[in-house]
Amino acid sequence: LFALFDLVPGLEYCDVQRDPYTNSGYAV
């Protein structure tokens, strides 16, 4: 995910979070 969003210049951080009760993905 970091590599994907790093295609746009200026990426400061990519924080991936995971819900223990579901299999969905969430990131800031």
mmCIF file of all heavy atoms, coordinates in Angstrom:
data_MODEL
# 
_entry.id   MODEL 
# 
loop_
_atom_site.group_PDB 
_atom_site.id 
_atom_site.type_symbol 
_atom_site.label_atom_id 
_atom_site.label_alt_id 
_atom_site.label_comp_id 
_atom_site.label_asym_id 
_atom_site.label_entity_id 
_atom_site.label_seq_id 
_atom_site.pdbx_PDB_ins_code 
_atom_site.Cartn_x 
_atom_site.Cartn_y 
_atom_site.Cartn_z 
_atom_site.occupancy 
_atom_site.B_iso_or_equiv 
_atom_site.pdbx_formal_charge 
_atom_site.auth_seq_id 
_atom_site.auth_comp_id 
_atom_site.auth_asym_id 
_atom_site.auth_atom_id 
_atom_site.pdbx_PDB_model_num 
ATOM 1   N N   . LEU A 1 1  ? 0.837   -1.200  0.000  1.00 0.00 ? 1  LEU A N   1 
ATOM 2   C CA  . LEU A 1 1  ? 0.000   0.000   0.000  1.00 0.00 ? 1  LEU A CA  1 
ATOM 3   C C   . LEU A 1 1  ? 0.874   1.254   0.000  1.00 0.00 ? 1  LEU A C   1 
ATOM 4   O O   . LEU A 1 1  ? 0.569   2.235   -0.691 1.00 0.00 ? 1  LEU A O   1 
ATOM 5   C CB  . LEU A 1 1  ? -0.928  0.002   1.217  1.00 0.00 ? 1  LEU A CB  1 
ATOM 6   C CG  . LEU A 1 1  ? -2.068  1.027   1.145  1.00 0.00 ? 1  LEU A CG  1 
ATOM 7   C CD1 . LEU A 1 1  ? -3.057  0.649   0.046  1.00 0.00 ? 1  LEU A CD1 1 
ATOM 8   C CD2 . LEU A 1 1  ? -2.800  1.135   2.473  1.00 0.00 ? 1  LEU A CD2 1 
ATOM 9   N N   . PHE A 1 2  ? 1.959   1.212   0.759  1.00 0.00 ? 2  PHE A N   1 
ATOM 10  C CA  . PHE A 1 2  ? 2.883   2.344   0.788  1.00 0.00 ? 2  PHE A CA  1 
ATOM 11  C C   . PHE A 1 2  ? 3.432   2.608   -0.610 1.00 0.00 ? 2  PHE A C   1 
ATOM 12  O O   . PHE A 1 2  ? 3.484   3.760   -1.071 1.00 0.00 ? 2  PHE A O   1 
ATOM 13  C CB  . PHE A 1 2  ? 4.039   2.075   1.765  1.00 0.00 ? 2  PHE A CB  1 
ATOM 14  C CG  . PHE A 1 2  ? 5.001   3.232   1.916  1.00 0.00 ? 2  PHE A CG  1 
ATOM 15  C CD1 . PHE A 1 2  ? 4.832   4.163   2.936  1.00 0.00 ? 2  PHE A CD1 1 
ATOM 16  C CD2 . PHE A 1 2  ? 6.052   3.400   1.030  1.00 0.00 ? 2  PHE A CD2 1 
ATOM 17  C CE1 . PHE A 1 2  ? 5.700   5.227   3.077  1.00 0.00 ? 2  PHE A CE1 1 
ATOM 18  C CE2 . PHE A 1 2  ? 6.922   4.476   1.153  1.00 0.00 ? 2  PHE A CE2 1 
ATOM 19  C CZ  . PHE A 1 2  ? 6.744   5.387   2.179  1.00 0.00 ? 2  PHE A CZ  1 
ATOM 20  N N   . ALA A 1 3  ? 3.834   1.535   -1.303 1.00 0.00 ? 3  ALA A N   1 
ATOM 21  C CA  . ALA A 1 3  ? 4.395   1.680   -2.647 1.00 0.00 ? 3  ALA A CA  1 
ATOM 22  C C   . ALA A 1 3  ? 3.368   2.266   -3.616 1.00 0.00 ? 3  ALA A C   1 
ATOM 23  O O   . ALA A 1 3  ? 3.705   3.077   -4.488 1.00 0.00 ? 3  ALA A O   1 
ATOM 24  C CB  . ALA A 1 3  ? 4.883   0.321   -3.154 1.00 0.00 ? 3  ALA A CB  1 
ATOM 25  N N   . LEU A 1 4  ? 2.103   1.885   -3.450 1.00 0.00 ? 4  LEU A N   1 
ATOM 26  C CA  . LEU A 1 4  ? 1.045   2.381   -4.327 1.00 0.00 ? 4  LEU A CA  1 
ATOM 27  C C   . LEU A 1 4  ? 0.835   3.880   -4.148 1.00 0.00 ? 4  LEU A C   1 
ATOM 28  O O   . LEU A 1 4  ? 0.817   4.641   -5.118 1.00 0.00 ? 4  LEU A O   1 
ATOM 29  C CB  . LEU A 1 4  ? -0.260  1.627   -4.044 1.00 0.00 ? 4  LEU A CB  1 
ATOM 30  C CG  . LEU A 1 4  ? -1.482  2.030   -4.881 1.00 0.00 ? 4  LEU A CG  1 
ATOM 31  C CD1 . LEU A 1 4  ? -1.244  1.739   -6.351 1.00 0.00 ? 4  LEU A CD1 1 
ATOM 32  C CD2 . LEU A 1 4  ? -2.717  1.276   -4.391 1.00 0.00 ? 4  LEU A CD2 1 
ATOM 33  N N   . PHE A 1 5  ? 0.692   4.324   -2.903 1.00 0.00 ? 5  PHE A N   1 
ATOM 34  C CA  . PHE A 1 5  ? 0.424   5.743   -2.650 1.00 0.00 ? 5  PHE A CA  1 
ATOM 35  C C   . PHE A 1 5  ? 1.688   6.596   -2.756 1.00 0.00 ? 5  PHE A C   1 
ATOM 36  O O   . PHE A 1 5  ? 1.597   7.815   -2.910 1.00 0.00 ? 5  PHE A O   1 
ATOM 37  C CB  . PHE A 1 5  ? -0.233  5.922   -1.282 1.00 0.00 ? 5  PHE A CB  1 
ATOM 38  C CG  . PHE A 1 5  ? -1.714  5.635   -1.303 1.00 0.00 ? 5  PHE A CG  1 
ATOM 39  C CD1 . PHE A 1 5  ? -2.184  4.338   -1.192 1.00 0.00 ? 5  PHE A CD1 1 
ATOM 40  C CD2 . PHE A 1 5  ? -2.638  6.660   -1.478 1.00 0.00 ? 5  PHE A CD2 1 
ATOM 41  C CE1 . PHE A 1 5  ? -3.549  4.060   -1.242 1.00 0.00 ? 5  PHE A CE1 1 
ATOM 42  C CE2 . PHE A 1 5  ? -3.999  6.405   -1.534 1.00 0.00 ? 5  PHE A CE2 1 
ATOM 43  C CZ  . PHE A 1 5  ? -4.460  5.100   -1.417 1.00 0.00 ? 5  PHE A CZ  1 
ATOM 44  N N   . ASP A 1 6  ? 2.854   5.968   -2.702 1.00 0.00 ? 6  ASP A N   1 
ATOM 45  C CA  . ASP A 1 6  ? 4.109   6.701   -2.855 1.00 0.00 ? 6  ASP A CA  1 
ATOM 46  C C   . ASP A 1 6  ? 4.353   7.103   -4.309 1.00 0.00 ? 6  ASP A C   1 
ATOM 47  O O   . ASP A 1 6  ? 5.268   7.869   -4.604 1.00 0.00 ? 6  ASP A O   1 
ATOM 48  C CB  . ASP A 1 6  ? 5.274   5.847   -2.344 1.00 0.00 ? 6  ASP A CB  1 
ATOM 49  C CG  . ASP A 1 6  ? 6.533   6.675   -2.112 1.00 0.00 ? 6  ASP A CG  1 
ATOM 50  O OD1 . ASP A 1 6  ? 6.409   7.832   -1.667 1.00 0.00 ? 6  ASP A OD1 1 
ATOM 51  O OD2 . ASP A 1 6  ? 7.642   6.162   -2.373 1.00 0.00 ? 6  ASP A OD2 1 
ATOM 52  N N   . LEU A 1 7  ? 3.510   6.601   -5.231 1.00 0.00 ? 7  LEU A N   1 
ATOM 53  C CA  . LEU A 1 7  ? 3.597   7.037   -6.628 1.00 0.00 ? 7  LEU A CA  1 
ATOM 54  C C   . LEU A 1 7  ? 3.275   8.521   -6.752 1.00 0.00 ? 7  LEU A C   1 
ATOM 55  O O   . LEU A 1 7  ? 3.721   9.196   -7.676 1.00 0.00 ? 7  LEU A O   1 
ATOM 56  C CB  . LEU A 1 7  ? 2.635   6.225   -7.508 1.00 0.00 ? 7  LEU A CB  1 
ATOM 57  C CG  . LEU A 1 7  ? 3.000   4.752   -7.729 1.00 0.00 ? 7  LEU A CG  1 
ATOM 58  C CD1 . LEU A 1 7  ? 1.876   4.042   -8.458 1.00 0.00 ? 7  LEU A CD1 1 
ATOM 59  C CD2 . LEU A 1 7  ? 4.291   4.650   -8.524 1.00 0.00 ? 7  LEU A CD2 1 
ATOM 60  N N   . VAL A 1 8  ? 2.484   9.027   -5.810 1.00 0.00 ? 8  VAL A N   1 
ATOM 61  C CA  . VAL A 1 8  ? 2.178   10.463  -5.774 1.00 0.00 ? 8  VAL A CA  1 
ATOM 62  C C   . VAL A 1 8  ? 3.202   11.129  -4.850 1.00 0.00 ? 8  VAL A C   1 
ATOM 63  O O   . VAL A 1 8  ? 3.334   10.735  -3.690 1.00 0.00 ? 8  VAL A O   1 
ATOM 64  C CB  . VAL A 1 8  ? 0.748   10.716  -5.247 1.00 0.00 ? 8  VAL A CB  1 
ATOM 65  C CG1 . VAL A 1 8  ? 0.467   12.209  -5.174 1.00 0.00 ? 8  VAL A CG1 1 
ATOM 66  C CG2 . VAL A 1 8  ? -0.271  10.021  -6.137 1.00 0.00 ? 8  VAL A CG2 1 
ATOM 67  N N   . PRO A 1 9  ? 3.946   12.121  -5.333 1.00 0.00 ? 9  PRO A N   1 
ATOM 68  C CA  . PRO A 1 9  ? 4.989   12.760  -4.515 1.00 0.00 ? 9  PRO A CA  1 
ATOM 69  C C   . PRO A 1 9  ? 4.420   13.380  -3.238 1.00 0.00 ? 9  PRO A C   1 
ATOM 70  O O   . PRO A 1 9  ? 3.306   13.882  -3.222 1.00 0.00 ? 9  PRO A O   1 
ATOM 71  C CB  . PRO A 1 9  ? 5.537   13.856  -5.444 1.00 0.00 ? 9  PRO A CB  1 
ATOM 72  C CG  . PRO A 1 9  ? 5.195   13.396  -6.818 1.00 0.00 ? 9  PRO A CG  1 
ATOM 73  C CD  . PRO A 1 9  ? 3.888   12.674  -6.697 1.00 0.00 ? 9  PRO A CD  1 
ATOM 74  N N   . GLY A 1 10 ? 5.237   13.319  -2.168 1.00 0.00 ? 10 GLY A N   1 
ATOM 75  C CA  . GLY A 1 10 ? 4.867   13.992  -0.927 1.00 0.00 ? 10 GLY A CA  1 
ATOM 76  C C   . GLY A 1 10 ? 4.286   13.094  0.145  1.00 0.00 ? 10 GLY A C   1 
ATOM 77  O O   . GLY A 1 10 ? 3.801   13.581  1.164  1.00 0.00 ? 10 GLY A O   1 
ATOM 78  N N   . LEU A 1 11 ? 4.338   11.752  -0.049 1.00 0.00 ? 11 LEU A N   1 
ATOM 79  C CA  . LEU A 1 11 ? 3.792   10.846  0.964  1.00 0.00 ? 11 LEU A CA  1 
ATOM 80  C C   . LEU A 1 11 ? 4.614   10.943  2.250  1.00 0.00 ? 11 LEU A C   1 
ATOM 81  O O   . LEU A 1 11 ? 5.826   10.781  2.240  1.00 0.00 ? 11 LEU A O   1 
ATOM 82  C CB  . LEU A 1 11 ? 3.808   9.400   0.448  1.00 0.00 ? 11 LEU A CB  1 
ATOM 83  C CG  . LEU A 1 11 ? 3.257   8.334   1.405  1.00 0.00 ? 11 LEU A CG  1 
ATOM 84  C CD1 . LEU A 1 11 ? 1.782   8.566   1.684  1.00 0.00 ? 11 LEU A CD1 1 
ATOM 85  C CD2 . LEU A 1 11 ? 3.473   6.933   0.835  1.00 0.00 ? 11 LEU A CD2 1 
ATOM 86  N N   . GLU A 1 12 ? 3.937   11.213  3.368  1.00 0.00 ? 12 GLU A N   1 
ATOM 87  C CA  . GLU A 1 12 ? 4.618   11.330  4.658  1.00 0.00 ? 12 GLU A CA  1 
ATOM 88  C C   . GLU A 1 12 ? 4.537   10.040  5.455  1.00 0.00 ? 12 GLU A C   1 
ATOM 89  O O   . GLU A 1 12 ? 5.510   9.615   6.061  1.00 0.00 ? 12 GLU A O   1 
ATOM 90  C CB  . GLU A 1 12 ? 4.031   12.491  5.467  1.00 0.00 ? 12 GLU A CB  1 
ATOM 91  C CG  . GLU A 1 12 ? 4.378   13.858  4.898  1.00 0.00 ? 12 GLU A CG  1 
ATOM 92  C CD  . GLU A 1 12 ? 3.982   14.994  5.818  1.00 0.00 ? 12 GLU A CD  1 
ATOM 93  O OE1 . GLU A 1 12 ? 3.039   14.826  6.620  1.00 0.00 ? 12 GLU A OE1 1 
ATOM 94  O OE2 . GLU A 1 12 ? 4.629   16.065  5.743  1.00 0.00 ? 12 GLU A OE2 1 
ATOM 95  N N   . TYR A 1 13 ? 3.346   9.435   5.506  1.00 0.00 ? 13 TYR A N   1 
ATOM 96  C CA  . TYR A 1 13 ? 3.255   8.139   6.175  1.00 0.00 ? 13 TYR A CA  1 
ATOM 97  C C   . TYR A 1 13 ? 2.042   7.363   5.701  1.00 0.00 ? 13 TYR A C   1 
ATOM 98  O O   . TYR A 1 13 ? 1.085   7.905   5.170  1.00 0.00 ? 13 TYR A O   1 
ATOM 99  C CB  . TYR A 1 13 ? 3.257   8.281   7.699  1.00 0.00 ? 13 TYR A CB  1 
ATOM 100 C CG  . TYR A 1 13 ? 2.001   8.864   8.308  1.00 0.00 ? 13 TYR A CG  1 
ATOM 101 C CD1 . TYR A 1 13 ? 0.841   8.096   8.475  1.00 0.00 ? 13 TYR A CD1 1 
ATOM 102 C CD2 . TYR A 1 13 ? 1.976   10.183  8.768  1.00 0.00 ? 13 TYR A CD2 1 
ATOM 103 C CE1 . TYR A 1 13 ? -0.301  8.637   9.060  1.00 0.00 ? 13 TYR A CE1 1 
ATOM 104 C CE2 . TYR A 1 13 ? 0.845   10.728  9.353  1.00 0.00 ? 13 TYR A CE2 1 
ATOM 105 C CZ  . TYR A 1 13 ? -0.291  9.946   9.489  1.00 0.00 ? 13 TYR A CZ  1 
ATOM 106 O OH  . TYR A 1 13 ? -1.415  10.468  10.069 1.00 0.00 ? 13 TYR A OH  1 
ATOM 107 N N   . CYS A 1 14 ? 2.130   6.053   5.899  1.00 0.00 ? 14 CYS A N   1 
ATOM 108 C CA  . CYS A 1 14 ? 1.046   5.130   5.541  1.00 0.00 ? 14 CYS A CA  1 
ATOM 109 C C   . CYS A 1 14 ? 0.864   4.190   6.735  1.00 0.00 ? 14 CYS A C   1 
ATOM 110 O O   . CYS A 1 14 ? 1.751   3.404   7.059  1.00 0.00 ? 14 CYS A O   1 
ATOM 111 C CB  . CYS A 1 14 ? 1.419   4.354   4.278  1.00 0.00 ? 14 CYS A CB  1 
ATOM 112 S SG  . CYS A 1 14 ? 0.318   2.964   3.913  1.00 0.00 ? 14 CYS A SG  1 
ATOM 113 N N   . ASP A 1 15 ? -0.270  4.312   7.415  1.00 0.00 ? 15 ASP A N   1 
ATOM 114 C CA  . ASP A 1 15 ? -0.525  3.527   8.625  1.00 0.00 ? 15 ASP A CA  1 
ATOM 115 C C   . ASP A 1 15 ? -1.651  2.521   8.358  1.00 0.00 ? 15 ASP A C   1 
ATOM 116 O O   . ASP A 1 15 ? -2.818  2.887   8.262  1.00 0.00 ? 15 ASP A O   1 
ATOM 117 C CB  . ASP A 1 15 ? -0.910  4.468   9.768  1.00 0.00 ? 15 ASP A CB  1 
ATOM 118 C CG  . ASP A 1 15 ? -1.156  3.724   11.074 1.00 0.00 ? 15 ASP A CG  1 
ATOM 119 O OD1 . ASP A 1 15 ? -0.666  2.578   11.202 1.00 0.00 ? 15 ASP A OD1 1 
ATOM 120 O OD2 . ASP A 1 15 ? -1.847  4.274   11.948 1.00 0.00 ? 15 ASP A OD2 1 
ATOM 121 N N   . VAL A 1 16 ? -1.285  1.253   8.219  1.00 0.00 ? 16 VAL A N   1 
ATOM 122 C CA  . VAL A 1 16 ? -2.269  0.202   7.955  1.00 0.00 ? 16 VAL A CA  1 
ATOM 123 C C   . VAL A 1 16 ? -2.804  -0.350  9.277  1.00 0.00 ? 16 VAL A C   1 
ATOM 124 O O   . VAL A 1 16 ? -2.034  -0.685  10.178 1.00 0.00 ? 16 VAL A O   1 
ATOM 125 C CB  . VAL A 1 16 ? -1.642  -0.941  7.134  1.00 0.00 ? 16 VAL A CB  1 
ATOM 126 C CG1 . VAL A 1 16 ? -2.596  -2.127  7.045  1.00 0.00 ? 16 VAL A CG1 1 
ATOM 127 C CG2 . VAL A 1 16 ? -1.285  -0.456  5.750  1.00 0.00 ? 16 VAL A CG2 1 
ATOM 128 N N   . GLN A 1 17 ? -4.141  -0.405  9.378  1.00 0.00 ? 17 GLN A N   1 
ATOM 129 C CA  . GLN A 1 17 ? -4.775  -0.932  10.583 1.00 0.00 ? 17 GLN A CA  1 
ATOM 130 C C   . GLN A 1 17 ? -5.681  -2.100  10.203 1.00 0.00 ? 17 GLN A C   1 
ATOM 131 O O   . GLN A 1 17 ? -6.212  -2.141  9.092  1.00 0.00 ? 17 GLN A O   1 
ATOM 132 C CB  . GLN A 1 17 ? -5.581  0.174   11.272 1.00 0.00 ? 17 GLN A CB  1 
ATOM 133 C CG  . GLN A 1 17 ? -4.731  1.372   11.651 1.00 0.00 ? 17 GLN A CG  1 
ATOM 134 C CD  . GLN A 1 17 ? -5.567  2.539   12.127 1.00 0.00 ? 17 GLN A CD  1 
ATOM 135 O OE1 . GLN A 1 17 ? -6.745  2.392   12.415 1.00 0.00 ? 17 GLN A OE1 1 
ATOM 136 N NE2 . GLN A 1 17 ? -4.958  3.721   12.206 1.00 0.00 ? 17 GLN A NE2 1 
ATOM 137 N N   . ARG A 1 18 ? -5.866  -3.023  11.097 1.00 0.00 ? 18 ARG A N   1 
ATOM 138 C CA  . ARG A 1 18 ? -6.684  -4.191  10.797 1.00 0.00 ? 18 ARG A CA  1 
ATOM 139 C C   . ARG A 1 18 ? -7.726  -4.418  11.893 1.00 0.00 ? 18 ARG A C   1 
ATOM 140 O O   . ARG A 1 18 ? -7.416  -4.363  13.083 1.00 0.00 ? 18 ARG A O   1 
ATOM 141 C CB  . ARG A 1 18 ? -5.803  -5.439  10.645 1.00 0.00 ? 18 ARG A CB  1 
ATOM 142 C CG  . ARG A 1 18 ? -6.591  -6.696  10.314 1.00 0.00 ? 18 ARG A CG  1 
ATOM 143 C CD  . ARG A 1 18 ? -5.698  -7.852  9.947  1.00 0.00 ? 18 ARG A CD  1 
ATOM 144 N NE  . ARG A 1 18 ? -4.940  -7.579  8.728  1.00 0.00 ? 18 ARG A NE  1 
ATOM 145 C CZ  . ARG A 1 18 ? -4.123  -8.448  8.160  1.00 0.00 ? 18 ARG A CZ  1 
ATOM 146 N NH1 . ARG A 1 18 ? -3.945  -9.635  8.700  1.00 0.00 ? 18 ARG A NH1 1 
ATOM 147 N NH2 . ARG A 1 18 ? -3.475  -8.134  7.070  1.00 0.00 ? 18 ARG A NH2 1 
ATOM 148 N N   . ASP A 1 19 ? -8.959  -4.639  11.459 1.00 0.00 ? 19 ASP A N   1 
ATOM 149 C CA  . ASP A 1 19 ? -10.047 -4.938  12.384 1.00 0.00 ? 19 ASP A CA  1 
ATOM 150 C C   . ASP A 1 19 ? -9.976  -6.429  12.732 1.00 0.00 ? 19 ASP A C   1 
ATOM 151 O O   . ASP A 1 19 ? -10.076 -7.275  11.846 1.00 0.00 ? 19 ASP A O   1 
ATOM 152 C CB  . ASP A 1 19 ? -11.388 -4.614  11.722 1.00 0.00 ? 19 ASP A CB  1 
ATOM 153 C CG  . ASP A 1 19 ? -12.557 -4.740  12.685 1.00 0.00 ? 19 ASP A CG  1 
ATOM 154 O OD1 . ASP A 1 19 ? -12.440 -5.512  13.673 1.00 0.00 ? 19 ASP A OD1 1 
ATOM 155 O OD2 . ASP A 1 19 ? -13.586 -4.099  12.463 1.00 0.00 ? 19 ASP A OD2 1 
ATOM 156 N N   . PRO A 1 20 ? -9.790  -6.769  14.014 1.00 0.00 ? 20 PRO A N   1 
ATOM 157 C CA  . PRO A 1 20 ? -9.663  -8.190  14.388 1.00 0.00 ? 20 PRO A CA  1 
ATOM 158 C C   . PRO A 1 20 ? -10.936 -8.999  14.140 1.00 0.00 ? 20 PRO A C   1 
ATOM 159 O O   . PRO A 1 20 ? -10.895 -10.223 14.097 1.00 0.00 ? 20 PRO A O   1 
ATOM 160 C CB  . PRO A 1 20 ? -9.328  -8.126  15.883 1.00 0.00 ? 20 PRO A CB  1 
ATOM 161 C CG  . PRO A 1 20 ? -9.878  -6.806  16.346 1.00 0.00 ? 20 PRO A CG  1 
ATOM 162 C CD  . PRO A 1 20 ? -9.708  -5.881  15.189 1.00 0.00 ? 20 PRO A CD  1 
ATOM 163 N N   . TYR A 1 21 ? -12.075 -8.307  13.958 1.00 0.00 ? 21 TYR A N   1 
ATOM 164 C CA  . TYR A 1 21 ? -13.342 -9.027  13.804 1.00 0.00 ? 21 TYR A CA  1 
ATOM 165 C C   . TYR A 1 21 ? -13.763 -9.195  12.342 1.00 0.00 ? 21 TYR A C   1 
ATOM 166 O O   . TYR A 1 21 ? -14.682 -9.943  12.039 1.00 0.00 ? 21 TYR A O   1 
ATOM 167 C CB  . TYR A 1 21 ? -14.455 -8.285  14.563 1.00 0.00 ? 21 TYR A CB  1 
ATOM 168 C CG  . TYR A 1 21 ? -14.134 -8.127  16.036 1.00 0.00 ? 21 TYR A CG  1 
ATOM 169 C CD1 . TYR A 1 21 ? -13.707 -6.903  16.537 1.00 0.00 ? 21 TYR A CD1 1 
ATOM 170 C CD2 . TYR A 1 21 ? -14.237 -9.205  16.918 1.00 0.00 ? 21 TYR A CD2 1 
ATOM 171 C CE1 . TYR A 1 21 ? -13.394 -6.745  17.875 1.00 0.00 ? 21 TYR A CE1 1 
ATOM 172 C CE2 . TYR A 1 21 ? -13.925 -9.050  18.264 1.00 0.00 ? 21 TYR A CE2 1 
ATOM 173 C CZ  . TYR A 1 21 ? -13.510 -7.825  18.737 1.00 0.00 ? 21 TYR A CZ  1 
ATOM 174 O OH  . TYR A 1 21 ? -13.198 -7.669  20.064 1.00 0.00 ? 21 TYR A OH  1 
ATOM 175 N N   . THR A 1 22 ? -13.121 -8.475  11.468 1.00 0.00 ? 22 THR A N   1 
ATOM 176 C CA  . THR A 1 22 ? -13.450 -8.611  10.043 1.00 0.00 ? 22 THR A CA  1 
ATOM 177 C C   . THR A 1 22 ? -12.160 -8.796  9.251  1.00 0.00 ? 22 THR A C   1 
ATOM 178 O O   . THR A 1 22 ? -11.062 -8.653  9.778  1.00 0.00 ? 22 THR A O   1 
ATOM 179 C CB  . THR A 1 22 ? -14.185 -7.369  9.504  1.00 0.00 ? 22 THR A CB  1 
ATOM 180 O OG1 . THR A 1 22 ? -13.275 -6.253  9.491  1.00 0.00 ? 22 THR A OG1 1 
ATOM 181 C CG2 . THR A 1 22 ? -15.390 -7.029  10.354 1.00 0.00 ? 22 THR A CG2 1 
ATOM 182 N N   . ASN A 1 23 ? -12.310 -9.087  7.973  1.00 0.00 ? 23 ASN A N   1 
ATOM 183 C CA  . ASN A 1 23 ? -11.145 -9.279  7.124  1.00 0.00 ? 23 ASN A CA  1 
ATOM 184 C C   . ASN A 1 23 ? -10.892 -8.067  6.242  1.00 0.00 ? 23 ASN A C   1 
ATOM 185 O O   . ASN A 1 23 ? -10.101 -8.113  5.311  1.00 0.00 ? 23 ASN A O   1 
ATOM 186 C CB  . ASN A 1 23 ? -11.351 -10.522 6.227  1.00 0.00 ? 23 ASN A CB  1 
ATOM 187 C CG  . ASN A 1 23 ? -10.036 -11.044 5.687  1.00 0.00 ? 23 ASN A CG  1 
ATOM 188 O OD1 . ASN A 1 23 ? -9.030  -11.020 6.386  1.00 0.00 ? 23 ASN A OD1 1 
ATOM 189 N ND2 . ASN A 1 23 ? -10.042 -11.500 4.439  1.00 0.00 ? 23 ASN A ND2 1 
ATOM 190 N N   . SER A 1 24 ? -11.577 -6.960  6.540  1.00 0.00 ? 24 SER A N   1 
ATOM 191 C CA  . SER A 1 24 ? -11.443 -5.781  5.693  1.00 0.00 ? 24 SER A CA  1 
ATOM 192 C C   . SER A 1 24 ? -10.160 -5.019  6.021  1.00 0.00 ? 24 SER A C   1 
ATOM 193 O O   . SER A 1 24 ? -9.555  -5.209  7.075  1.00 0.00 ? 24 SER A O   1 
ATOM 194 C CB  . SER A 1 24 ? -12.652 -4.861  5.882  1.00 0.00 ? 24 SER A CB  1 
ATOM 195 O OG  . SER A 1 24 ? -12.756 -4.465  7.234  1.00 0.00 ? 24 SER A OG  1 
ATOM 196 N N   . GLY A 1 25 ? -9.764  -4.165  5.076  1.00 0.00 ? 25 GLY A N   1 
ATOM 197 C CA  . GLY A 1 25 ? -8.549  -3.386  5.264  1.00 0.00 ? 25 GLY A CA  1 
ATOM 198 C C   . GLY A 1 25 ? -8.867  -1.923  5.507  1.00 0.00 ? 25 GLY A C   1 
ATOM 199 O O   . GLY A 1 25 ? -9.830  -1.390  4.969  1.00 0.00 ? 25 GLY A O   1 
ATOM 200 N N   . TYR A 1 26 ? -8.055  -1.276  6.337  1.00 0.00 ? 26 TYR A N   1 
ATOM 201 C CA  . TYR A 1 26 ? -8.228  0.148   6.619  1.00 0.00 ? 26 TYR A CA  1 
ATOM 202 C C   . TYR A 1 26 ? -6.848  0.769   6.810  1.00 0.00 ? 26 TYR A C   1 
ATOM 203 O O   . TYR A 1 26 ? -5.973  0.181   7.451  1.00 0.00 ? 26 TYR A O   1 
ATOM 204 C CB  . TYR A 1 26 ? -9.061  0.364   7.879  1.00 0.00 ? 26 TYR A CB  1 
ATOM 205 C CG  . TYR A 1 26 ? -9.213  1.816   8.259  1.00 0.00 ? 26 TYR A CG  1 
ATOM 206 C CD1 . TYR A 1 26 ? -10.094 2.643   7.570  1.00 0.00 ? 26 TYR A CD1 1 
ATOM 207 C CD2 . TYR A 1 26 ? -8.452  2.372   9.285  1.00 0.00 ? 26 TYR A CD2 1 
ATOM 208 C CE1 . TYR A 1 26 ? -10.222 3.983   7.893  1.00 0.00 ? 26 TYR A CE1 1 
ATOM 209 C CE2 . TYR A 1 26 ? -8.568  3.708   9.624  1.00 0.00 ? 26 TYR A CE2 1 
ATOM 210 C CZ  . TYR A 1 26 ? -9.458  4.516   8.926  1.00 0.00 ? 26 TYR A CZ  1 
ATOM 211 O OH  . TYR A 1 26 ? -9.578  5.843   9.246  1.00 0.00 ? 26 TYR A OH  1 
ATOM 212 N N   . ALA A 1 27 ? -6.649  1.956   6.230  1.00 0.00 ? 27 ALA A N   1 
ATOM 213 C CA  . ALA A 1 27 ? -5.355  2.626   6.376  1.00 0.00 ? 27 ALA A CA  1 
ATOM 214 C C   . ALA A 1 27 ? -5.550  4.134   6.379  1.00 0.00 ? 27 ALA A C   1 
ATOM 215 O O   . ALA A 1 27 ? -6.528  4.657   5.830  1.00 0.00 ? 27 ALA A O   1 
ATOM 216 C CB  . ALA A 1 27 ? -4.414  2.226   5.239  1.00 0.00 ? 27 ALA A CB  1 
ATOM 217 N N   . VAL A 1 28 ? -4.603  4.827   7.015  1.00 0.00 ? 28 VAL A N   1 
ATOM 218 C CA  . VAL A 1 28 ? -4.578  6.294   7.016  1.00 0.00 ? 28 VAL A CA  1 
ATOM 219 C C   . VAL A 1 28 ? -3.325  6.725   6.266  1.00 0.00 ? 28 VAL A C   1 
ATOM 220 O O   . VAL A 1 28 ? -2.221  6.270   6.561  1.00 0.00 ? 28 VAL A O   1 
ATOM 221 C CB  . VAL A 1 28 ? -4.567  6.865   8.449  1.00 0.00 ? 28 VAL A CB  1 
ATOM 222 C CG1 . VAL A 1 28 ? -4.415  8.384   8.412  1.00 0.00 ? 28 VAL A CG1 1 
ATOM 223 C CG2 . VAL A 1 28 ? -5.843  6.482   9.184  1.00 0.00 ? 28 VAL A CG2 1 
# 
